[in-house]
Amino acid sequence: MDDPATFEQLIQFRAPTNLSKAIDRAASQRCQSKSDYIRQALVDRLQADGGSPLGEQQYCLVKDGELLATSFKPSKADIERLGGGDWLPIENEDTEPFDPAKHWRLKPLPLRLDSTRGIVVRTYPVIAKCQEHA
């Protein structure tokens, strides 16, 4: 998930040692990296504040049923470099209805092709907050 090709924008910030340790513990409890944990927390907060941080449509390059690459702005050069294929939209879905007050969204499962709908699906497992220490 921390693939530099997928997340091209690096954001750095300073944090006190105790905050860094707390983030590390919380991320470990969810089987996430610190980067995944921080990224998801920021996205959840921005969405709760009414923003649309992931407003751009993401696409996946698919060739012969194989998922080759993802991009927000697919280009002909990318298709040619990767040997052709079709850019299909990626739709995000949760394993169950998500309420930020009651649930955690975990690291997404691997992308999967839904050929009947002509899309690629990114599924986020959802667990109740009471299960976080189980």
Protein backbone atom coordinates (compact mmCIF):
# COMPACT_ATOMS: atom_id res chain seq x y z
CA MET A 1 0.00 0.00 0.00
CA ASP A 2 2.94 2.35 0.53
CA ASP A 3 4.10 1.97 -3.07
CA PRO A 4 5.78 5.26 -4.10
CA ALA A 5 4.34 4.90 -7.62
CA THR A 6 0.81 4.96 -6.18
CA PHE A 7 1.37 7.74 -3.64
CA GLU A 8 3.58 10.24 -5.40
CA GLN A 9 3.07 13.16 -3.00
CA LEU A 10 5.25 13.01 0.14
CA ILE A 11 3.98 14.96 3.14
CA GLN A 12 6.16 15.27 6.22
CA PHE A 13 5.38 16.70 9.64
CA ARG A 14 7.00 16.85 13.05
CA ALA A 15 5.42 15.03 15.98
CA PRO A 16 6.37 14.50 19.61
CA THR A 17 7.77 11.07 20.45
CA ASN A 18 4.67 10.02 22.38
CA LEU A 19 2.41 10.81 19.39
CA SER A 20 4.65 8.80 17.06
CA LYS A 21 4.54 5.84 19.46
CA ALA A 22 0.75 6.11 19.78
CA ILE A 23 0.35 6.11 15.98
CA ASP A 24 2.64 3.09 15.73
CA ARG A 25 0.59 1.17 18.34
CA ALA A 26 -2.75 2.07 16.75
CA ALA A 27 -1.51 1.14 13.27
CA SER A 28 -0.16 -2.19 14.53
CA GLN A 29 -3.53 -3.01 16.12
CA ARG A 30 -5.13 -2.63 12.68
CA CYS A 31 -2.32 -4.43 10.82
CA GLN A 32 -1.49 -1.21 8.98
CA SER A 33 1.69 0.73 8.39
CA LYS A 34 2.00 4.12 10.08
CA SER A 35 1.58 5.76 6.67
CA ASP A 36 -1.64 3.83 5.94
CA TYR A 37 -3.00 4.67 9.38
CA ILE A 38 -2.26 8.40 9.07
CA ARG A 39 -3.53 8.56 5.49
CA GLN A 40 -6.83 6.85 6.39
CA ALA A 41 -7.28 9.00 9.50
CA LEU A 42 -6.79 12.17 7.44
CA VAL A 43 -9.19 11.01 4.73
CA ASP A 44 -11.83 10.06 7.33
CA ARG A 45 -11.49 13.43 9.07
CA LEU A 46 -11.66 15.41 5.82
CA GLN A 47 -14.76 13.48 4.74
CA ALA A 48 -16.36 14.05 8.17
CA ASP A 49 -15.67 17.78 7.74
CA GLY A 50 -17.52 17.72 4.41
CA GLY A 51 -14.46 17.72 2.16
CA SER A 52 -13.78 15.47 -0.77
CA PRO A 53 -10.07 14.69 -0.45
CA LEU A 54 -10.21 11.87 -2.96
CA GLY A 55 -12.42 13.72 -5.40
CA GLU A 56 -10.50 12.63 -8.46
CA GLN A 57 -11.58 9.37 -10.07
CA GLN A 58 -8.90 6.71 -9.88
CA TYR A 59 -8.45 4.23 -12.74
CA CYS A 60 -6.80 0.85 -13.15
CA LEU A 61 -5.12 -0.34 -16.33
CA VAL A 62 -6.47 -3.81 -17.17
CA LYS A 63 -5.15 -6.08 -19.91
CA ASP A 64 -6.42 -9.63 -20.45
CA GLY A 65 -8.00 -9.66 -16.99
CA GLU A 66 -4.74 -8.61 -15.29
CA LEU A 67 -4.57 -5.43 -13.20
CA LEU A 68 -1.40 -3.64 -14.31
CA ALA A 69 -1.33 -0.14 -12.81
CA THR A 70 -3.41 2.56 -11.16
CA SER A 71 -3.55 6.27 -11.93
CA PHE A 72 -5.66 9.36 -11.36
CA LYS A 73 -4.89 10.69 -14.82
CA PRO A 74 -4.38 7.85 -17.29
CA SER A 75 -2.38 8.75 -20.34
CA LYS A 76 -1.66 7.16 -23.70
CA ALA A 77 2.03 7.08 -22.75
CA ASP A 78 1.20 4.92 -19.71
CA ILE A 79 -0.82 2.52 -21.85
CA GLU A 80 1.95 2.25 -24.45
CA ARG A 81 4.65 1.82 -21.79
CA LEU A 82 2.67 -0.98 -20.14
CA GLY A 83 1.74 -2.72 -23.41
CA GLY A 84 -1.83 -1.53 -23.95
CA GLY A 85 -5.06 -2.31 -22.16
CA ASP A 86 -8.16 -0.52 -20.90
CA TRP A 87 -8.41 2.04 -18.11
CA LEU A 88 -11.35 1.02 -15.92
CA PRO A 89 -12.67 3.16 -13.06
CA ILE A 90 -11.95 2.03 -9.51
CA GLU A 91 -14.92 2.03 -7.15
CA ASN A 92 -14.41 1.88 -3.40
CA GLU A 93 -16.77 -0.15 -1.26
CA ASP A 94 -17.00 -1.24 2.35
CA THR A 95 -17.69 -4.79 3.53
CA GLU A 96 -20.66 -3.38 5.49
CA PRO A 97 -22.27 0.04 6.02
CA PHE A 98 -19.70 2.37 7.59
CA ASP A 99 -20.37 4.80 10.43
CA PRO A 100 -17.21 6.66 11.55
CA ALA A 101 -18.56 6.90 15.10
CA LYS A 102 -18.99 3.11 15.36
CA HIS A 103 -16.51 1.53 12.91
CA TRP A 104 -12.91 1.37 11.80
CA ARG A 105 -12.01 1.01 8.15
CA LEU A 106 -9.08 -1.36 7.74
CA LYS A 107 -6.41 -1.51 5.05
CA PRO A 108 -8.09 -2.32 1.73
CA LEU A 109 -8.09 -5.79 0.26
CA PRO A 110 -6.28 -6.29 -3.05
CA LEU A 111 -8.02 -4.74 -6.05
CA ARG A 112 -10.34 -7.07 -7.96
CA LEU A 113 -11.85 -6.90 -11.40
CA ASP A 114 -15.65 -6.93 -11.64
CA SER A 115 -16.04 -7.75 -15.32
CA THR A 116 -19.85 -7.81 -15.16
CA ARG A 117 -19.89 -4.11 -14.20
CA GLY A 118 -16.75 -3.16 -16.14
CA ILE A 119 -15.00 -1.73 -13.08
CA VAL A 120 -12.23 -2.50 -10.63
CA VAL A 121 -13.26 -2.71 -6.97
CA ARG A 122 -11.29 -1.70 -3.89
CA THR A 123 -12.92 -3.22 -0.79
CA TYR A 124 -12.32 -1.87 2.69
CA PRO A 125 -12.99 -4.28 5.57
CA VAL A 126 -15.11 -2.60 8.26
CA ILE A 127 -15.00 -3.65 11.92
CA ALA A 128 -16.82 -2.33 14.97
CA LYS A 129 -14.67 -0.09 17.18
CA CYS A 130 -15.38 -2.36 20.14
CA GLN A 131 -13.40 -5.11 18.34
CA GLU A 132 -10.20 -3.08 18.12
CA HIS A 133 -8.68 -4.72 21.17
CA ALA A 134 -10.04 -8.21 20.55
